[in-house]
């Protein structure tokens, strides 16, 4: 049996460690989270959780890398065909269309990759404020119910010494009715808080029953919050990559029309299809601009 030297073993271990440590990784480190104990939620914590839970950034990075590689391959094919040697529409399309399309795909995917972090931040801020609103409403209704309960106790004690029995009964009934109404409002606020937690905890990637607290001082302590609620909503409504895609589709469609016009005849069926696609691309950009 042949013996393996210690140096060979160490070399294999070193190379394995080297390649594993230098290989690219797009996974986001998952922040530590206690699924049982309540935790004070801040804007920064919400952003951290959403970025770790949402795979969109990793997917966008991979798509951008693939489109960049496809663009390089298309550029290599583009250089293989000499422009002066083109005499047919098929050869012209083989040279120009893949390059134009791959350039567009790479540009759009790169832009989208750059947009995703901001979109995730906005998503986290909206989730934070949704929870904060539900929490504040729950706490306010709880405190209101407790105050009315205290008033009810006082009213009953005062009514015991009241000589007018009818007045005593009316006052007691009025207080009890008001207390019952505030208890219902409190229970409704608790229900909305529970629903908000389930919905937003899914966004955060944590257990549905995970409970959150909000510090009364955290808003005052944050002089420059990462993003306001209004800005978060506005950033989600801005779809720049879609507009760039639509504009690029027009350019590719126009290029196809130009190639058919130069190397063939636009009145042919392929020419009619190319012009229809160009018209459709123009319609879609107008619709996108009205919505975005």
Protein backbone atom coordinates (compact mmCIF):
# COMPACT_ATOMS: atom_id res chain seq x y z
CA UNK A 1 0.00 0.00 0.00
CA UNK A 2 1.42 3.40 -1.04
CA UNK A 3 1.80 5.92 1.77
CA UNK A 4 0.56 9.46 1.30
CA UNK A 5 2.99 12.10 2.53
CA UNK A 6 1.99 14.65 5.16
CA UNK A 7 2.84 17.50 2.78
CA UNK A 8 0.38 16.17 0.18
CA UNK A 9 -2.40 16.00 2.75
CA UNK A 10 -1.67 19.53 3.94
CA UNK A 11 -1.64 20.77 0.34
CA UNK A 12 -5.07 19.29 -0.35
CA UNK A 13 -6.49 20.80 2.85
CA UNK A 14 -5.02 24.20 2.01
CA UNK A 15 -6.37 24.22 -1.55
CA UNK A 16 -9.83 23.12 -0.37
CA UNK A 17 -9.92 25.90 2.21
CA UNK A 18 -8.64 28.43 -0.32
CA UNK A 19 -11.25 27.72 -2.98
CA UNK A 20 -14.10 27.51 -0.50
CA UNK A 21 -13.12 30.78 1.14
CA UNK A 22 -12.68 32.66 -2.13
CA UNK A 23 -15.75 31.35 -3.96
CA UNK A 24 -18.44 34.01 -4.49
CA UNK A 25 -21.54 33.88 -2.33
CA UNK A 26 -24.71 35.88 -2.79
CA UNK A 27 -26.50 34.63 0.32
CA UNK A 28 -27.36 37.27 2.87
CA UNK A 29 -26.36 36.49 6.43
CA UNK A 30 -29.50 35.80 8.47
CA UNK A 31 -29.62 38.01 11.57
CA UNK A 32 -30.12 36.33 14.93
CA UNK A 33 -33.74 36.39 16.06
CA UNK A 34 -35.47 35.23 19.24
CA UNK A 35 -38.77 33.69 18.17
CA UNK A 36 -40.19 33.73 21.71
CA UNK A 37 -39.21 36.90 23.55
CA UNK A 38 -40.63 40.27 22.46
CA UNK A 39 -38.09 42.53 20.78
CA UNK A 40 -37.97 46.29 20.29
CA UNK A 41 -38.41 46.93 16.57
CA UNK A 42 -36.57 49.80 14.92
CA UNK A 43 -36.43 50.92 11.30
CA UNK A 44 -32.86 49.64 11.01
CA UNK A 45 -33.85 46.24 12.42
CA UNK A 46 -36.79 45.98 10.01
CA UNK A 47 -34.49 46.70 7.05
CA UNK A 48 -32.00 44.10 8.27
CA UNK A 49 -34.68 41.42 8.56
CA UNK A 50 -36.28 42.11 5.19
CA UNK A 51 -32.95 42.07 3.35
CA UNK A 52 -32.09 38.73 4.96
CA UNK A 53 -35.52 37.19 4.28
CA UNK A 54 -36.07 38.33 0.68
CA UNK A 55 -34.06 36.39 -1.95
CA UNK A 56 -34.67 39.03 -4.65
CA UNK A 57 -31.25 40.66 -4.25
CA UNK A 58 -29.39 37.37 -4.71
CA UNK A 59 -31.55 36.51 -7.73
CA UNK A 60 -30.98 39.96 -9.23
CA UNK A 61 -27.21 39.58 -8.83
CA UNK A 62 -27.21 36.19 -10.52
CA UNK A 63 -29.41 37.43 -13.37
CA UNK A 64 -27.15 40.45 -13.87
CA UNK A 65 -24.06 38.23 -13.99
CA UNK A 66 -25.68 35.87 -16.50
CA UNK A 67 -26.81 38.74 -18.74
CA UNK A 68 -23.32 40.22 -18.62
CA UNK A 69 -21.86 36.88 -19.74
CA UNK A 70 -24.47 36.53 -22.49
CA UNK A 71 -23.60 40.03 -23.69
CA UNK A 72 -19.93 39.06 -23.96
CA UNK A 73 -20.85 35.97 -25.98
CA UNK A 74 -23.08 38.00 -28.28
CA UNK A 75 -20.31 40.56 -28.80
CA UNK A 76 -17.93 37.76 -29.78
CA UNK A 77 -20.46 36.50 -32.36
CA UNK A 78 -20.99 40.08 -33.55
CA UNK A 79 -17.28 40.53 -34.33
CA UNK A 80 -17.14 37.28 -36.30
CA UNK A 81 -19.41 38.64 -39.03
CA UNK A 82 -17.95 41.38 -41.21
CA UNK A 83 -20.46 44.13 -41.97
CA UNK A 84 -19.21 44.45 -45.56
CA UNK A 85 -19.94 40.77 -46.22
CA UNK A 86 -23.62 41.00 -45.28
CA UNK A 87 -25.91 40.56 -48.26
CA UNK A 88 -28.96 38.82 -46.76
CA UNK A 89 -31.49 39.74 -44.07
CA UNK A 90 -30.80 36.51 -42.17
CA UNK A 91 -27.09 37.33 -41.85
CA UNK A 92 -27.82 40.94 -40.88
CA UNK A 93 -30.20 39.81 -38.15
CA UNK A 94 -27.65 37.24 -36.97
CA UNK A 95 -25.08 40.01 -36.54
CA UNK A 96 -27.09 42.89 -35.09
CA UNK A 97 -30.19 41.56 -33.29
CA UNK A 98 -28.55 39.28 -30.66
CA UNK A 99 -26.07 42.02 -29.75
CA UNK A 100 -28.79 44.65 -29.39
CA UNK A 101 -30.96 42.33 -27.32
CA UNK A 102 -28.13 41.15 -25.06
CA UNK A 103 -26.92 44.74 -24.52
CA UNK A 104 -30.45 45.69 -23.47
CA UNK A 105 -30.82 42.69 -21.14
CA UNK A 106 -27.49 43.44 -19.45
CA UNK A 107 -28.37 47.12 -19.00
CA UNK A 108 -31.80 46.38 -17.55
CA UNK A 109 -30.65 43.60 -15.20
CA UNK A 110 -27.77 45.73 -13.91
CA UNK A 111 -30.15 48.61 -13.24
CA UNK A 112 -32.63 46.31 -11.54
CA UNK A 113 -29.89 44.85 -9.34
CA UNK A 114 -28.98 48.38 -8.24
CA UNK A 115 -32.63 49.17 -7.50
CA UNK A 116 -33.40 46.10 -5.39
CA UNK A 117 -31.68 47.25 -2.15
CA UNK A 118 -33.68 50.48 -2.18
CA UNK A 119 -36.88 48.59 -2.92
CA UNK A 120 -36.26 46.23 -0.01
CA UNK A 121 -35.56 49.19 2.28
CA UNK A 122 -38.84 50.77 1.25
CA UNK A 123 -40.65 47.48 1.79
CA UNK A 124 -39.18 47.24 5.29
CA UNK A 125 -40.14 50.82 6.20
CA UNK A 126 -43.74 50.29 5.12
CA UNK A 127 -43.89 47.10 7.21
CA UNK A 128 -42.41 48.96 10.17
CA UNK A 129 -44.98 51.75 10.02
CA UNK A 130 -47.86 49.31 9.53
CA UNK A 131 -46.82 47.55 12.73
CA UNK A 132 -46.20 50.82 14.56
CA UNK A 133 -49.67 52.15 13.71
CA UNK A 134 -51.36 48.93 14.84
CA UNK A 135 -49.27 48.88 18.02
CA UNK A 136 -50.04 52.51 18.90
CA UNK A 137 -53.75 51.98 18.33
CA UNK A 138 -53.73 48.86 20.53
CA UNK A 139 -51.89 50.62 23.36
CA UNK A 140 -54.09 53.72 23.16
CA UNK A 141 -57.31 51.68 23.26
CA UNK A 142 -55.92 49.64 26.16
CA UNK A 143 -55.04 52.74 28.19
CA UNK A 144 -58.42 54.33 27.42
CA UNK A 145 -60.23 51.20 28.56
CA UNK A 146 -58.21 51.13 31.78
CA UNK A 147 -59.01 54.78 32.52
CA UNK A 148 -62.74 54.26 31.97
CA UNK A 149 -62.59 51.14 34.13
CA UNK A 150 -61.09 53.25 36.93
CA UNK A 151 -63.79 55.87 36.43
CA UNK A 152 -66.43 53.13 36.59
CA UNK A 153 -65.10 51.97 39.95
CA UNK A 154 -65.16 55.53 41.29
CA UNK A 155 -68.69 56.15 39.94
CA UNK A 156 -70.00 53.00 41.60
CA UNK A 157 -68.46 53.97 44.93
CA UNK A 158 -69.99 57.43 44.71
CA UNK A 159 -73.37 56.00 43.71
CA UNK A 160 -73.51 53.88 46.86
CA UNK A 161 -73.84 56.99 48.98
CA UNK A 162 -76.30 58.70 46.68
CA UNK A 163 -79.79 59.06 48.10
CA UNK A 164 -81.56 59.14 44.72
CA UNK A 165 -81.75 55.45 43.71
CA UNK A 166 -82.86 56.27 40.14
CA UNK A 167 -79.93 58.61 39.58
CA UNK A 168 -77.63 55.97 41.02
CA UNK A 169 -78.88 53.31 38.58
CA UNK A 170 -78.69 55.66 35.56
CA UNK A 171 -75.14 56.75 36.34
CA UNK A 172 -74.00 53.18 36.89
CA UNK A 173 -75.62 51.98 33.65
CA UNK A 174 -74.06 54.84 31.69
CA UNK A 175 -70.59 54.07 32.99
CA UNK A 176 -70.94 50.34 32.39
CA UNK A 177 -72.20 50.94 28.83
CA UNK A 178 -69.23 53.17 28.06
CA UNK A 179 -66.85 50.65 29.59
CA UNK A 180 -68.31 47.81 27.50
CA UNK A 181 -67.92 49.92 24.35
CA UNK A 182 -64.27 50.69 25.05
CA UNK A 183 -63.60 47.02 25.82
CA UNK A 184 -64.95 46.06 22.41
CA UNK A 185 -62.75 48.72 20.77
CA UNK A 186 -59.73 47.41 22.66
CA UNK A 187 -60.42 43.82 21.57
CA UNK A 188 -60.80 45.00 17.96
CA UNK A 189 -57.46 46.84 18.17
CA UNK A 190 -55.84 43.69 19.59
CA UNK A 191 -57.23 41.70 16.65
CA UNK A 192 -55.83 44.19 14.12
CA UNK A 193 -52.47 44.09 15.89
CA UNK A 194 -52.41 40.29 15.71
CA UNK A 195 -53.24 40.38 11.99
CA UNK A 196 -50.57 43.02 11.33
CA UNK A 197 -47.97 40.89 13.13
CA UNK A 198 -48.77 37.78 11.08
CA UNK A 199 -48.58 39.73 7.81
CA UNK A 200 -45.41 41.68 8.57
CA UNK A 201 -43.62 38.81 10.29
CA UNK A 202 -43.92 36.94 7.01
CA UNK A 203 -42.20 39.89 5.33
CA UNK A 204 -39.50 39.83 8.01
CA UNK A 205 -39.02 36.08 7.63
CA UNK A 206 -39.74 35.32 11.31
CA UNK A 207 -42.30 33.27 13.21
CA UNK A 208 -45.88 34.46 12.76
CA UNK A 209 -46.35 34.80 16.53
CA UNK A 210 -43.16 36.83 17.02
CA UNK A 211 -44.05 39.82 19.22
CA UNK A 212 -42.67 43.34 18.87
CA UNK A 213 -42.33 46.34 21.11
CA UNK A 214 -41.76 49.98 20.20
CA UNK A 215 -39.72 52.40 22.26
CA UNK A 216 -41.41 55.74 22.89
CA UNK A 217 -38.00 57.41 22.58
CA UNK A 218 -36.79 55.78 19.36
CA UNK A 219 -38.45 58.28 17.00
CA UNK A 220 -36.93 61.20 18.87
CA UNK A 221 -33.55 59.49 19.00
CA UNK A 222 -33.47 59.02 15.22
CA UNK A 223 -32.84 62.51 13.86
CA UNK A 224 -32.35 61.32 10.29
CA UNK A 225 -34.36 58.11 9.74
CA UNK A 226 -33.21 55.99 6.76
CA UNK A 227 -36.39 56.79 4.86
CA UNK A 228 -39.81 58.25 5.64
CA UNK A 229 -43.06 56.41 5.07
CA UNK A 230 -43.98 58.74 2.19
CA UNK A 231 -40.60 58.22 0.52
CA UNK A 232 -40.93 54.46 0.95
CA UNK A 233 -44.27 54.43 -0.86
CA UNK A 234 -42.90 56.69 -3.61
CA UNK A 235 -39.85 54.50 -4.17
CA UNK A 236 -42.01 51.40 -4.59
CA UNK A 237 -44.12 53.24 -7.18
CA UNK A 238 -41.03 54.08 -9.27
CA UNK A 239 -40.26 51.31 -11.75
CA UNK A 240 -37.24 52.65 -13.61
CA UNK A 241 -36.00 49.30 -14.89
CA UNK A 242 -39.37 48.63 -16.54
CA UNK A 243 -39.26 51.97 -18.38
CA UNK A 244 -35.69 51.27 -19.56
CA UNK A 245 -36.82 47.84 -20.76
CA UNK A 246 -39.72 49.34 -22.71
CA UNK A 247 -37.51 51.99 -24.32
CA UNK A 248 -34.98 49.31 -25.23
CA UNK A 249 -37.73 47.17 -26.77
CA UNK A 250 -38.54 50.09 -29.07
CA UNK A 251 -34.91 50.36 -30.12
CA UNK A 252 -34.65 46.63 -30.88
CA UNK A 253 -37.96 46.69 -32.78
CA UNK A 254 -36.82 49.74 -34.77
CA UNK A 255 -33.53 48.01 -35.59
CA UNK A 256 -35.39 45.01 -36.98
CA UNK A 257 -37.56 47.29 -39.14
CA UNK A 258 -34.44 49.07 -40.42
CA UNK A 259 -32.72 45.80 -41.29
CA UNK A 260 -35.73 44.51 -43.20
CA UNK A 261 -35.99 47.83 -45.03
CA UNK A 262 -32.31 47.63 -46.01
CA UNK A 263 -31.94 43.95 -46.89
CA UNK A 264 -35.53 43.02 -47.83
CA UNK A 265 -38.95 44.65 -48.32
CA UNK A 266 -41.18 45.98 -45.54
CA UNK A 267 -44.32 44.93 -47.41
CA UNK A 268 -43.47 41.26 -46.84
CA UNK A 269 -44.99 39.35 -43.94
CA UNK A 270 -41.81 39.61 -41.81
CA UNK A 271 -41.82 43.35 -42.53
CA UNK A 272 -45.44 43.70 -41.43
CA UNK A 273 -44.71 41.74 -38.24
CA UNK A 274 -41.70 43.96 -37.51
CA UNK A 275 -43.75 47.15 -37.94
CA UNK A 276 -46.54 45.74 -35.77
CA UNK A 277 -44.03 44.93 -33.05
CA UNK A 278 -42.62 48.45 -33.25
CA UNK A 279 -46.10 49.94 -32.92
CA UNK A 280 -46.87 47.64 -29.99
CA UNK A 281 -43.62 48.67 -28.26
CA UNK A 282 -44.57 52.34 -28.62
CA UNK A 283 -48.00 51.67 -27.16
CA UNK A 284 -46.49 49.81 -24.21
CA UNK A 285 -44.04 52.62 -23.39
CA UNK A 286 -46.91 55.13 -23.35
CA UNK A 287 -48.89 52.86 -21.02
CA UNK A 288 -45.82 52.39 -18.78
CA UNK A 289 -45.21 56.14 -18.54
CA UNK A 290 -48.81 56.74 -17.51
CA UNK A 291 -48.62 54.14 -14.73
CA UNK A 292 -45.07 54.57 -13.43
